Amino acid sequence: MAQSDVLLTRQPAPQTVPACELPRKEPALACNTGAHTSAGLATAGFRTARYLLDEWFQLGYARYHQAFAARDGSERQRRESAQLAAEAEALARRTQQDATRAVGERLRDAHGWAEELRRAAAGLRAETELLLAQKRRLERALDATAVPLSLATDGLQSRERRQQPDLVRDRVEVELLQEAELIRNVQELLKRTILQAANQIRLNREHKETCEMDWSDKVQAYNIDETCARYHNQSTDVQFHPHSTKLEESASTPESWAKFTQDNLLRAERERQASADLRALVDCILTDVAADLQLQGDAVALAFGQRCEELEDASHKLRHHLSKTLREITEQEHSIAALRQAIKDKEAPLRVAQTRLYQRSHRPGVELCRDNAQFRLVSEVGQLDLALSALREKLLEAERSLCALEDTRRSLEKDLAVKADSLFIDRQKCLALRARYPPASRLAGYE
């Protein structure tokens, strides 16, 4: 044990004295200091001592205590410093591990959301391409309806040039009018559907761009967090940023961050589903439109075929009646010639009988007798006059009949010409042009 420790245990504890201040003692008058004493003579010329022996010991004890206290405080401070350093090291290591783990979890969350956004953007991109293909089908189908409409309108205009009495509102005209109206309605439907598809394509692209922007931001944030996750205490590119702990006012919360991405994904999925539904609707519309137009085109072709058969049958009957009429005209002409010859043949006997009567009227006196011969001649003239009157009347009737036959012939010939013209319009112009009617695949937009 050190001597100082022994002294400290044996002596009473000194008064606490500041380390930088010594105990001061006021100078006291020494005894036996008179001029005539021996002590005073021996110490003449020397100053009186400042400290007493007890004070000297007390000062030493104070120094020892001060050294002990300083060492004890230093040891305690060293222990506390070492403990604080260890705690700070452990805290720094723990907080850094927690922060690295949190950054890793953030990386997984960001990667998961980024993958969802990438799939959503890819789905919208693929859906937009499919809808664009449907839109092109609609446009091709709309272009394909121009030919049937022109065929229907040309057919109606061509049939307006038919002559009387064939200028009738028959089944062909009804079917052509229905076809033209159907095609106009189809065109309006296709135009509205094209506009709807174009609007849906615009929405798909907008939401795809929104998802891509969100995905791009998340990829950028992922790269930043990945760089942060690779930082460690031996990294050479780290430095102090005292103000980096300040939160930005525009910073989002994890809830708002997740909700923002969820909203983008929900809107993207909603638009993708709407686009898929619209594609299905477009497919149904094109299928129904092609079927309706093809059915109406077949109805028009059937009506044209039936009308052509009716015209051919009417033409055949007209030609048959015309042939009979021509034969009757010939027979009537022969009959008229015979009547004229019969009238001419009766003129000679009439002249003979009238001449005889005239000559016999010159008989003299009593010879002018109404004898049997006179009566017979008068009767002959009367009979001949009646026969000639009957023949002339019959000749007039025959001539009138011949005129009627001629009128009938002209009417039949005109009607035959009208029927031929109508048949030419329906068969050679309308039906021949309708051979250009587009097939169902083109009307459905596949070609």
Protein backbone atom coordinates (compact mmCIF):
# COMPACT_ATOMS: atom_id res chain seq x y z
CA MET A 1 0.00 0.00 0.00
CA ALA A 2 1.34 3.43 -0.77
CA GLN A 3 2.41 5.67 2.01
CA SER A 4 0.00 8.32 0.98
CA ASP A 5 -2.85 5.82 1.32
CA VAL A 6 -1.71 4.98 4.86
CA LEU A 7 -1.50 8.57 5.78
CA LEU A 8 -4.92 9.20 4.45
CA THR A 9 -6.38 6.42 6.51
CA ARG A 10 -4.76 7.57 9.70
CA GLN A 11 -5.37 11.25 9.53
CA PRO A 12 -8.76 12.84 9.59
CA ALA A 13 -10.17 13.95 6.27
CA PRO A 14 -8.99 17.41 5.43
CA GLN A 15 -11.25 20.20 4.44
CA THR A 16 -12.14 20.35 0.79
CA VAL A 17 -9.81 22.79 -0.87
CA PRO A 18 -9.85 23.76 -4.48
CA ALA A 19 -7.03 22.17 -6.42
CA CYS A 20 -5.75 25.47 -7.67
CA GLU A 21 -5.81 27.25 -4.27
CA LEU A 22 -3.54 26.62 -1.26
CA PRO A 23 -4.64 27.24 2.35
CA ARG A 24 -3.53 30.69 3.34
CA LYS A 25 -2.33 31.59 6.86
CA GLU A 26 -2.23 35.03 8.29
CA PRO A 27 1.28 35.97 9.71
CA ALA A 28 1.44 35.54 13.48
CA LEU A 29 3.82 37.25 15.89
CA ALA A 30 6.49 34.85 17.08
CA CYS A 31 7.10 34.44 20.77
CA ASN A 32 10.43 35.31 22.35
CA THR A 33 11.25 37.82 19.75
CA GLY A 34 12.24 40.55 21.94
CA ALA A 35 15.48 42.35 21.26
CA HIS A 36 17.05 41.25 24.44
CA THR A 37 16.19 37.51 24.27
CA SER A 38 18.51 34.77 23.01
CA ALA A 39 15.96 33.45 20.38
CA GLY A 40 15.48 36.81 18.99
CA LEU A 41 19.20 37.33 18.74
CA ALA A 42 19.68 33.96 16.95
CA THR A 43 16.99 34.59 14.35
CA ALA A 44 17.83 38.13 13.81
CA GLY A 45 17.83 38.91 10.07
CA PHE A 46 15.44 35.91 8.97
CA ARG A 47 11.71 36.08 8.07
CA THR A 48 9.15 34.17 9.99
CA ALA A 49 7.93 30.92 8.24
CA ARG A 50 4.55 31.19 6.26
CA TYR A 51 3.07 27.69 6.99
CA LEU A 52 2.94 25.59 10.08
CA LEU A 53 3.81 21.91 10.08
CA ASP A 54 0.22 20.86 10.41
CA GLU A 55 -0.62 23.04 7.53
CA TRP A 56 2.13 21.45 5.52
CA PHE A 57 0.73 17.99 6.19
CA GLN A 58 -2.72 19.23 5.47
CA LEU A 59 -1.53 20.61 2.14
CA GLY A 60 0.07 17.26 1.25
CA TYR A 61 -3.09 15.42 2.15
CA ALA A 62 -5.02 17.78 -0.09
CA ARG A 63 -2.69 17.08 -2.98
CA TYR A 64 -3.08 13.33 -2.47
CA HIS A 65 -6.85 13.62 -2.37
CA GLN A 66 -6.86 15.82 -5.43
CA ALA A 67 -4.75 13.28 -7.34
CA PHE A 68 -6.98 10.42 -6.21
CA ALA A 69 -10.13 12.27 -7.15
CA ALA A 70 -8.67 13.24 -10.52
CA ARG A 71 -7.64 9.66 -11.25
CA ASP A 72 -10.99 8.32 -10.05
CA GLY A 73 -12.87 10.83 -12.17
CA SER A 74 -10.64 10.09 -15.13
CA GLU A 75 -11.15 6.35 -14.72
CA ARG A 76 -14.90 6.84 -14.42
CA GLN A 77 -14.89 9.13 -17.45
CA ARG A 78 -12.86 6.59 -19.40
CA ARG A 79 -15.22 3.83 -18.47
CA GLU A 80 -18.22 5.97 -19.40
CA SER A 81 -16.53 7.06 -22.62
CA ALA A 82 -15.71 3.47 -23.55
CA GLN A 83 -19.26 2.38 -22.69
CA LEU A 84 -20.73 5.34 -24.60
CA ALA A 85 -18.46 4.62 -27.56
CA ALA A 86 -19.46 0.96 -27.48
CA GLU A 87 -23.12 1.89 -27.18
CA ALA A 88 -22.72 4.44 -29.96
CA GLU A 89 -20.97 1.83 -32.10
CA ALA A 90 -23.66 -0.71 -31.41
CA LEU A 91 -26.35 1.92 -32.02
CA ALA A 92 -24.70 3.03 -35.24
CA ARG A 93 -24.30 -0.58 -36.40
CA ARG A 94 -27.88 -1.45 -35.38
CA THR A 95 -29.41 1.68 -36.92
CA GLN A 96 -27.35 1.20 -40.07
CA GLN A 97 -28.51 -2.40 -40.29
CA ASP A 98 -32.10 -1.32 -39.68
CA ALA A 99 -31.78 1.41 -42.29
CA THR A 100 -30.19 -1.04 -44.76
CA ARG A 101 -32.98 -3.53 -44.03
CA ALA A 102 -35.58 -0.79 -44.49
CA VAL A 103 -33.96 0.25 -47.76
CA GLY A 104 -33.97 -3.41 -48.83
CA GLU A 105 -37.65 -3.71 -48.00
CA ARG A 106 -38.25 -0.51 -49.92
CA LEU A 107 -36.35 -2.00 -52.84
CA ARG A 108 -38.58 -5.08 -52.78
CA ASP A 109 -41.71 -2.92 -52.60
CA ALA A 110 -40.50 -0.65 -55.38
CA HIS A 111 -39.49 -3.63 -57.51
CA GLY A 112 -42.88 -5.29 -56.96
CA TRP A 113 -44.83 -2.18 -57.87
CA ALA A 114 -42.52 -1.51 -60.81
CA GLU A 115 -43.18 -5.02 -62.13
CA GLU A 116 -46.93 -4.48 -61.72
CA LEU A 117 -46.68 -1.19 -63.59
CA ARG A 118 -44.53 -2.76 -66.29
CA ARG A 119 -47.06 -5.55 -66.78
CA ALA A 120 -49.92 -3.04 -66.79
CA ALA A 121 -48.14 -0.88 -69.38
CA ALA A 122 -47.34 -3.95 -71.48
CA GLY A 123 -50.95 -5.10 -71.20
CA LEU A 124 -52.22 -1.70 -72.30
CA ARG A 125 -49.71 -1.64 -75.14
CA ALA A 126 -50.80 -5.07 -76.38
CA GLU A 127 -54.48 -4.17 -75.90
CA THR A 128 -53.98 -0.92 -77.83
CA GLU A 129 -52.41 -2.84 -80.71
CA LEU A 130 -55.37 -5.23 -80.77
CA LEU A 131 -57.82 -2.32 -80.66
CA LEU A 132 -55.90 -0.59 -83.46
CA ALA A 133 -56.33 -3.75 -85.54
CA GLN A 134 -60.08 -3.66 -84.83
CA LYS A 135 -60.17 0.03 -85.74
CA ARG A 136 -58.47 -0.76 -89.05
CA ARG A 137 -61.11 -3.48 -89.60
CA LEU A 138 -63.82 -0.90 -88.98
CA GLU A 139 -62.23 1.49 -91.46
CA ARG A 140 -61.89 -1.24 -94.09
CA ALA A 141 -65.50 -2.27 -93.49
CA LEU A 142 -66.60 1.36 -93.84
CA ASP A 143 -64.69 1.64 -97.11
CA ALA A 144 -66.21 -1.64 -98.29
CA THR A 145 -69.75 -0.28 -97.83
CA ALA A 146 -69.12 2.36 -100.50
CA VAL A 147 -69.46 -0.22 -103.30
CA PRO A 148 -72.85 -1.63 -102.15
CA LEU A 149 -74.18 1.89 -101.63
CA SER A 150 -73.10 2.95 -105.12
CA LEU A 151 -74.63 -0.24 -106.55
CA ALA A 152 -77.92 0.44 -104.78
CA THR A 153 -78.07 4.12 -105.80
CA ASP A 154 -76.96 3.36 -109.38
CA GLY A 155 -79.59 0.65 -109.59
CA LEU A 156 -82.28 3.03 -108.39
CA GLN A 157 -81.15 5.74 -110.81
CA SER A 158 -80.93 3.29 -113.71
CA ARG A 159 -84.39 1.92 -113.02
CA GLU A 160 -85.75 5.51 -113.02
CA ARG A 161 -85.08 5.47 -116.77
CA ARG A 162 -87.59 2.68 -117.31
CA GLN A 163 -90.50 3.56 -119.57
CA GLN A 164 -94.20 3.30 -118.94
CA PRO A 165 -95.81 0.99 -118.03
CA ASP A 166 -92.76 -0.70 -116.49
CA LEU A 167 -91.96 2.28 -114.29
CA VAL A 168 -93.54 0.65 -111.26
CA ARG A 169 -92.65 0.38 -107.58
CA ASP A 170 -91.90 -3.31 -107.65
CA ARG A 171 -90.16 -5.54 -105.13
CA VAL A 172 -86.75 -4.77 -106.63
CA GLU A 173 -87.16 -1.07 -105.94
CA VAL A 174 -88.37 -1.76 -102.40
CA GLU A 175 -85.37 -3.99 -101.72
CA LEU A 176 -82.97 -1.46 -103.25
CA LEU A 177 -84.39 1.32 -101.08
CA GLN A 178 -84.09 -0.89 -98.01
CA GLU A 179 -80.52 -1.75 -98.97
CA ALA A 180 -79.55 1.90 -99.40
CA GLU A 181 -81.12 2.80 -96.05
CA LEU A 182 -79.42 -0.16 -94.36
CA ILE A 183 -76.02 0.79 -95.77
CA ARG A 184 -76.40 4.41 -94.60
CA ASN A 185 -77.32 3.20 -91.10
CA VAL A 186 -74.37 0.81 -91.14
CA GLN A 187 -72.04 3.60 -92.19
CA GLU A 188 -73.27 5.81 -89.36
CA LEU A 189 -72.80 2.95 -86.89
CA LEU A 190 -69.30 2.22 -88.17
CA LYS A 191 -68.33 5.91 -87.98
CA ARG A 192 -69.54 6.16 -84.38
CA THR A 193 -67.71 2.97 -83.49
CA ILE A 194 -64.50 4.25 -85.11
CA LEU A 195 -64.72 7.44 -83.06
CA GLN A 196 -65.33 5.39 -79.92
CA ALA A 197 -62.34 3.16 -80.73
CA ALA A 198 -60.13 6.19 -81.40
CA ASN A 199 -61.14 7.72 -78.06
CA GLN A 200 -60.45 4.42 -76.27
CA ILE A 201 -57.05 4.17 -77.97
CA ARG A 202 -56.26 7.69 -76.75
CA LEU A 203 -57.24 6.73 -73.19
CA ASN A 204 -55.18 3.54 -73.41
CA ARG A 205 -52.12 5.48 -74.52
CA GLU A 206 -52.59 8.11 -71.84
CA HIS A 207 -52.85 5.51 -69.07
CA LYS A 208 -49.96 3.55 -70.58
CA GLU A 209 -47.84 6.69 -70.47
CA THR A 210 -48.96 7.29 -66.88
CA CYS A 211 -47.93 3.75 -65.91
CA GLU A 212 -44.65 4.09 -67.79
CA MET A 213 -43.88 7.40 -66.07
CA ASP A 214 -44.69 5.87 -62.68
CA TRP A 215 -42.60 2.82 -63.61
CA SER A 216 -39.74 5.08 -64.74
CA ASP A 217 -39.88 7.01 -61.45
CA LYS A 218 -39.87 3.78 -59.50
CA VAL A 219 -36.95 2.41 -61.51
CA GLN A 220 -35.04 5.62 -60.87
CA ALA A 221 -35.93 5.46 -57.17
CA TYR A 222 -34.97 1.76 -57.15
CA ASN A 223 -31.56 2.56 -58.62
CA ILE A 224 -31.06 5.31 -56.03
CA ASP A 225 -32.10 3.01 -53.16
CA GLU A 226 -29.97 0.22 -54.56
CA THR A 227 -26.98 2.57 -54.57
CA CYS A 228 -27.83 3.60 -51.03
CA ALA A 229 -28.10 -0.05 -49.95
CA ARG A 230 -24.55 -0.69 -51.22
CA TYR A 231 -23.06 2.12 -49.12
CA HIS A 232 -21.02 1.02 -46.08
CA ASN A 233 -18.63 2.63 -43.63
CA GLN A 234 -15.65 2.01 -45.89
CA SER A 235 -17.29 3.58 -48.95
CA THR A 236 -15.16 6.33 -50.45
CA ASP A 237 -17.99 8.30 -52.09
CA VAL A 238 -19.91 9.19 -48.93
CA GLN A 239 -19.79 12.62 -47.35
CA PHE A 240 -21.60 14.79 -44.86
CA HIS A 241 -24.95 16.32 -45.80
CA PRO A 242 -26.12 18.17 -42.67
CA HIS A 243 -29.42 19.32 -44.14
CA SER A 244 -30.39 16.00 -45.74
CA THR A 245 -32.66 15.05 -42.83
CA LYS A 246 -35.05 17.84 -43.60
CA LEU A 247 -38.26 16.45 -45.13
CA GLU A 248 -39.61 18.04 -48.27
CA GLU A 249 -43.10 19.49 -48.02
CA SER A 250 -44.10 17.71 -51.22
CA ALA A 251 -42.85 14.35 -49.97
CA SER A 252 -45.45 11.57 -50.00
CA THR A 253 -46.26 9.10 -47.28
CA PRO A 254 -46.00 5.32 -47.78
CA GLU A 255 -49.78 5.18 -47.84
CA SER A 256 -50.15 7.94 -50.45
CA TRP A 257 -47.24 6.44 -52.42
CA ALA A 258 -48.89 3.03 -52.54
CA LYS A 259 -52.33 4.53 -53.21
CA PHE A 260 -50.96 6.56 -56.13
CA THR A 261 -49.61 3.42 -57.81
CA GLN A 262 -52.72 1.41 -56.95
CA ASP A 263 -54.90 4.11 -58.53
CA ASN A 264 -52.74 4.05 -61.66
CA LEU A 265 -52.99 0.27 -61.84
CA LEU A 266 -56.76 0.32 -61.25
CA ARG A 267 -57.29 2.94 -63.95
CA ALA A 268 -55.04 1.03 -66.33
CA GLU A 269 -56.91 -2.21 -65.67
CA ARG A 270 -60.25 -0.43 -66.05
CA GLU A 271 -59.25 1.03 -69.42
CA ARG A 272 -57.76 -2.30 -70.53
CA GLN A 273 -61.02 -4.05 -69.69
CA ALA A 274 -63.03 -1.32 -71.42
CA SER A 275 -60.81 -1.73 -74.48
CA ALA A 276 -61.28 -5.51 -74.44
CA ASP A 277 -65.06 -5.06 -74.15
CA LEU A 278 -64.99 -2.58 -77.02
CA ARG A 279 -63.02 -5.05 -79.16
CA ALA A 280 -65.62 -7.72 -78.49
CA LEU A 281 -68.37 -5.23 -79.36
CA VAL A 282 -66.57 -4.26 -82.58
CA ASP A 283 -66.25 -7.91 -83.54
CA CYS A 284 -69.98 -8.44 -82.97
CA ILE A 285 -70.85 -5.27 -84.88
CA LEU A 286 -68.73 -6.24 -87.88
CA THR A 287 -70.10 -9.77 -87.90
CA ASP A 288 -73.70 -8.55 -87.70
CA VAL A 289 -73.11 -5.80 -90.27
CA ALA A 290 -71.54 -8.21 -92.75
CA ALA A 291 -74.38 -10.71 -92.25
CA ASP A 292 -77.09 -8.03 -92.62
CA LEU A 293 -75.54 -6.53 -95.74
CA GLN A 294 -74.97 -9.93 -97.29
CA LEU A 295 -78.53 -10.98 -96.50
CA GLN A 296 -79.92 -7.77 -97.98
CA GLY A 297 -77.69 -8.15 -101.03
CA ASP A 298 -79.02 -11.68 -101.55
CA ALA A 299 -82.57 -10.36 -101.18
CA VAL A 300 -81.92 -7.71 -103.84
CA ALA A 301 -80.35 -10.28 -106.17
CA LEU A 302 -83.33 -12.61 -105.64
CA ALA A 303 -85.76 -9.76 -106.36
CA PHE A 304 -83.83 -8.90 -109.53
CA GLY A 305 -83.93 -12.54 -110.62
CA GLN A 306 -87.66 -12.80 -110.04
CA ARG A 307 -88.28 -9.51 -111.81
CA CYS A 308 -86.22 -10.60 -114.79
CA GLU A 309 -88.20 -13.83 -114.96
CA GLU A 310 -91.43 -11.82 -114.85
CA LEU A 311 -90.16 -9.57 -117.63
CA GLU A 312 -89.08 -12.53 -119.73
CA ASP A 313 -92.46 -14.21 -119.23
CA ALA A 314 -94.27 -10.99 -120.13
CA SER A 315 -92.05 -10.56 -123.18
CA HIS A 316 -92.74 -14.14 -124.25
CA LYS A 317 -96.49 -13.59 -123.91
CA LEU A 318 -96.29 -10.29 -125.77
CA ARG A 319 -94.36 -11.89 -128.60
CA HIS A 320 -96.96 -14.67 -128.73
CA HIS A 321 -99.83 -12.17 -128.93
CA LEU A 322 -97.91 -10.07 -131.43
CA SER A 323 -97.44 -13.09 -133.65
CA LYS A 324 -101.15 -13.88 -133.49
CA THR A 325 -101.99 -10.23 -134.08
CA LEU A 326 -99.75 -10.12 -137.13
CA ARG A 327 -101.40 -13.24 -138.51
CA GLU A 328 -104.83 -11.73 -137.85
CA ILE A 329 -103.78 -8.51 -139.54
CA THR A 330 -102.78 -10.50 -142.59
CA GLU A 331 -106.05 -12.39 -142.58
CA GLN A 332 -107.97 -9.16 -142.12
CA GLU A 333 -106.15 -7.54 -144.99
CA HIS A 334 -107.05 -10.51 -147.17
CA SER A 335 -110.65 -10.23 -145.99
CA ILE A 336 -110.75 -6.53 -146.81
CA ALA A 337 -109.33 -7.23 -150.24
CA ALA A 338 -111.97 -9.88 -150.76
CA LEU A 339 -114.72 -7.51 -149.64
CA ARG A 340 -113.48 -4.84 -151.99
CA GLN A 341 -113.38 -7.35 -154.79
CA ALA A 342 -116.89 -8.54 -153.92
CA ILE A 343 -118.14 -4.95 -153.99
CA LYS A 344 -116.43 -4.44 -157.28
CA ASP A 345 -117.92 -7.64 -158.61
CA LYS A 346 -121.43 -6.47 -157.66
CA GLU A 347 -121.08 -3.19 -159.53
CA ALA A 348 -121.37 -4.81 -163.02
CA PRO A 349 -124.67 -6.64 -162.32
CA LEU A 350 -126.00 -3.47 -160.74
CA ARG A 351 -125.05 -1.45 -163.81
CA VAL A 352 -126.70 -4.07 -166.04
CA ALA A 353 -129.92 -4.09 -164.03
CA GLN A 354 -130.06 -0.30 -163.77
CA THR A 355 -129.31 0.05 -167.48
CA ARG A 356 -132.11 -2.38 -168.31
CA LEU A 357 -134.52 -0.43 -166.18
CA TYR A 358 -133.35 2.79 -167.72
CA GLN A 359 -133.78 1.45 -171.25
CA ARG A 360 -137.17 -0.07 -170.49
CA SER A 361 -138.36 3.23 -169.11
CA HIS A 362 -138.23 4.51 -172.67
CA ARG A 363 -140.87 2.08 -173.93
CA PRO A 364 -143.67 3.93 -175.71
CA GLY A 365 -147.25 4.25 -174.63
CA VAL A 366 -148.93 1.24 -173.25
CA GLU A 367 -145.73 -0.73 -173.64
CA LEU A 368 -144.54 0.93 -170.51
CA CYS A 369 -145.94 -1.91 -168.55
CA ARG A 370 -145.22 -3.07 -165.04
CA ASP A 371 -144.65 -6.52 -166.08
CA ASN A 372 -142.93 -9.33 -164.31
CA ALA A 373 -139.65 -8.46 -165.92
CA GLN A 374 -139.99 -4.91 -164.60
CA PHE A 375 -140.63 -6.14 -161.10
CA ARG A 376 -137.83 -8.64 -161.35
CA LEU A 377 -135.39 -5.96 -162.48
CA VAL A 378 -136.50 -3.63 -159.67
CA SER A 379 -136.11 -6.47 -157.18
CA GLU A 380 -132.67 -7.28 -158.56
CA VAL A 381 -131.52 -3.69 -158.18
CA GLY A 382 -132.88 -3.59 -154.63
CA GLN A 383 -131.15 -6.84 -153.72
CA LEU A 384 -127.91 -5.67 -155.26
CA ASP A 385 -128.10 -2.37 -153.36
CA LEU A 386 -128.72 -4.22 -150.11
CA ALA A 387 -125.82 -6.57 -150.80
CA LEU A 388 -123.52 -3.67 -151.65
CA SER A 389 -124.59 -1.76 -148.54
CA ALA A 390 -123.91 -4.83 -146.42
CA LEU A 391 -120.56 -5.37 -148.13
CA ARG A 392 -119.56 -1.74 -147.71
CA GLU A 393 -120.58 -1.79 -144.03
CA LYS A 394 -118.63 -4.98 -143.52
CA LEU A 395 -115.68 -3.40 -145.32
CA LEU A 396 -115.81 -0.47 -142.91
CA GLU A 397 -115.96 -2.85 -139.99
CA ALA A 398 -113.03 -4.80 -141.40
CA GLU A 399 -111.03 -1.65 -141.92
CA ARG A 400 -111.79 -0.52 -138.37
CA SER A 401 -110.78 -3.94 -137.11
CA LEU A 402 -107.61 -3.72 -139.12
CA CYS A 403 -106.87 -0.32 -137.61
CA ALA A 404 -107.47 -1.75 -134.15
CA LEU A 405 -105.18 -4.63 -134.98
CA GLU A 406 -102.54 -2.22 -136.17
CA ASP A 407 -102.89 -0.24 -132.99
CA THR A 408 -102.60 -3.44 -131.00
CA ARG A 409 -99.54 -4.44 -133.00
CA ARG A 410 -97.88 -1.11 -132.36
CA SER A 411 -98.80 -1.31 -128.68
CA LEU A 412 -97.46 -4.82 -128.42
CA GLU A 413 -94.27 -3.88 -130.22
CA LYS A 414 -93.83 -0.85 -128.00
CA ASP A 415 -94.51 -2.91 -124.91
CA LEU A 416 -92.03 -5.48 -126.14
CA ALA A 417 -89.44 -2.73 -126.59
CA VAL A 418 -90.21 -1.43 -123.08
CA LYS A 419 -89.87 -4.92 -121.66
CA ALA A 420 -86.61 -5.42 -123.50
CA ASP A 421 -85.32 -2.09 -122.17
CA SER A 422 -86.43 -2.95 -118.64
CA LEU A 423 -84.84 -6.36 -118.94
CA PHE A 424 -81.65 -4.78 -120.22
CA ILE A 425 -81.59 -2.33 -117.29
CA ASP A 426 -82.26 -4.99 -114.66
CA ARG A 427 -80.10 -7.76 -116.09
CA GLN A 428 -77.34 -6.17 -118.13
CA LYS A 429 -76.78 -3.07 -116.04
CA CYS A 430 -77.96 -3.69 -112.48
CA LEU A 431 -77.33 -7.40 -112.07
CA ALA A 432 -74.07 -7.24 -114.00
CA LEU A 433 -72.83 -4.42 -111.76
CA ARG A 434 -73.97 -6.27 -108.65
CA ALA A 435 -71.41 -8.93 -109.49
CA ARG A 436 -68.99 -6.44 -107.88
CA TYR A 437 -70.84 -6.75 -104.55
CA PRO A 438 -68.12 -7.31 -101.91
CA PRO A 439 -67.98 -10.66 -100.10
CA ALA A 440 -68.83 -11.08 -96.42
CA SER A 441 -65.16 -11.19 -95.41
CA ARG A 442 -64.55 -7.75 -96.91
CA LEU A 443 -67.70 -6.36 -95.35
CA ALA A 444 -66.42 -7.71 -91.99
CA GLY A 445 -63.18 -5.75 -92.47
CA TYR A 446 -60.83 -8.68 -93.04
CA GLU A 447 -59.71 -7.57 -96.50
